[in-house]
Amino acid sequence: MDYLANLLGGKNHFVKSYSGYNVTVNTTKLSPILQYFSFYPLKTKKYITYFNWVKIYKLVINKKHNDPESLSLILRYKNSIDKSPYNE
C-alpha cells in the first residue's frame, strides 16, 4: 500500500474500524489508474463497478458535479455501485 500511495502521490492511512488500509489520492492524480485499466481491462464483474466509477470521475473532472442534473446522475451511478451485488 505504501508503494501504491507513493506511486500515485497519495497517502496511506490505517483504518481502525476494519483493521485495514486506504490510499487517498487527489482526483487529478488518478490518470495512471485509468491508463492502467485501459491497457489491462478488468475481466470480471468488477468491470461494471469500475465503469460506473469512471463515469463519475469524468463528471467530477469536467466540473459537472455542481450542475443539479449531473449531480443527480452522479448519485444514480453511486447508488448503483453501492447496491451492486458485484461489491460483495
Protein backbone atom coordinates (compact mmCIF):
# COMPACT_ATOMS: atom_id res chain seq x y z
CA MET A 1 0.00 0.00 0.00
CA ASP A 2 2.89 2.35 0.74
CA TYR A 3 4.31 1.68 -2.72
CA LEU A 4 0.94 2.36 -4.39
CA ALA A 5 0.42 5.56 -2.39
CA ASN A 6 3.91 6.74 -3.30
CA LEU A 7 3.44 5.83 -6.98
CA LEU A 8 0.21 7.84 -7.19
CA GLY A 9 1.35 10.71 -4.99
CA GLY A 10 -1.23 9.85 -2.34
CA LYS A 11 -1.26 8.96 1.33
CA ASN A 12 -1.69 5.62 3.07
CA HIS A 13 -3.99 5.55 6.11
CA PHE A 14 -4.73 2.79 8.60
CA VAL A 15 -8.47 2.43 9.25
CA LYS A 16 -9.07 1.07 12.73
CA SER A 17 -12.73 0.10 12.14
CA TYR A 18 -11.77 -2.74 9.82
CA SER A 19 -8.05 -3.05 10.57
CA GLY A 20 -7.08 -2.24 7.00
CA TYR A 21 -5.50 0.44 4.91
CA ASN A 22 -6.87 3.04 2.50
CA VAL A 23 -4.92 5.02 -0.06
CA THR A 24 -6.15 8.58 -0.56
CA VAL A 25 -5.28 10.21 -3.88
CA ASN A 26 -6.21 13.59 -5.32
CA THR A 27 -8.55 13.22 -8.31
CA THR A 28 -6.08 14.98 -10.57
CA LYS A 29 -3.52 12.23 -9.90
CA LEU A 30 -5.72 9.28 -10.89
CA SER A 31 -4.65 9.30 -14.53
CA PRO A 32 -2.21 6.36 -14.09
CA ILE A 33 -5.06 4.21 -12.75
CA LEU A 34 -7.25 5.00 -15.75
CA GLN A 35 -4.37 4.32 -18.14
CA TYR A 36 -3.60 1.02 -16.43
CA PHE A 37 -7.18 -0.26 -16.64
CA SER A 38 -7.46 0.95 -20.24
CA PHE A 39 -4.43 -1.15 -21.12
CA TYR A 40 -5.32 -4.07 -18.79
CA PRO A 41 -9.13 -4.05 -18.57
CA LEU A 42 -10.93 -5.87 -15.80
CA LYS A 43 -12.42 -9.14 -16.98
CA THR A 44 -14.69 -9.90 -14.06
CA LYS A 45 -17.94 -8.50 -12.78
CA LYS A 46 -15.93 -5.70 -11.09
CA TYR A 47 -15.70 -4.09 -14.55
CA ILE A 48 -19.27 -2.79 -14.16
CA THR A 49 -18.38 -1.09 -10.86
CA TYR A 50 -15.22 0.37 -12.39
CA PHE A 51 -17.14 1.56 -15.47
CA ASN A 52 -19.66 3.45 -13.29
CA TRP A 53 -16.81 4.89 -11.21
CA VAL A 54 -15.15 6.21 -14.39
CA LYS A 55 -18.41 7.91 -15.40
CA ILE A 56 -18.50 9.68 -12.02
CA TYR A 57 -14.80 10.56 -12.25
CA LYS A 58 -15.24 12.16 -15.69
CA LEU A 59 -18.19 14.25 -14.49
CA VAL A 60 -16.21 15.49 -11.49
CA ILE A 61 -13.05 16.21 -13.53
CA ASN A 62 -15.14 18.20 -16.02
CA LYS A 63 -16.63 20.15 -13.07
CA LYS A 64 -20.15 18.98 -13.87
CA HIS A 65 -20.79 17.87 -10.27
CA ASN A 66 -22.18 21.32 -9.42
CA ASP A 67 -24.90 21.06 -12.06
CA PRO A 68 -28.13 19.65 -10.50
CA GLU A 69 -28.80 17.33 -13.45
CA SER A 70 -25.26 15.94 -13.44
CA LEU A 71 -25.31 15.63 -9.65
CA SER A 72 -28.45 13.53 -9.94
CA LEU A 73 -26.66 11.35 -12.49
CA ILE A 74 -23.66 11.00 -10.17
CA LEU A 75 -25.91 9.93 -7.31
CA ARG A 76 -27.59 7.36 -9.57
CA TYR A 77 -24.20 5.90 -10.56
CA LYS A 78 -23.06 5.94 -6.92
CA ASN A 79 -26.19 4.14 -5.77
CA SER A 80 -25.80 1.51 -8.47
CA ILE A 81 -22.23 0.93 -7.25
CA ASP A 82 -23.29 0.75 -3.59
CA LYS A 83 -26.18 -1.65 -4.24
CA SER A 84 -24.32 -3.77 -6.75
CA PRO A 85 -24.04 -7.47 -5.87
CA TYR A 86 -20.60 -7.24 -7.51
CA ASN A 87 -19.22 -5.42 -4.46
CA GLU A 88 -19.62 -8.37 -2.13
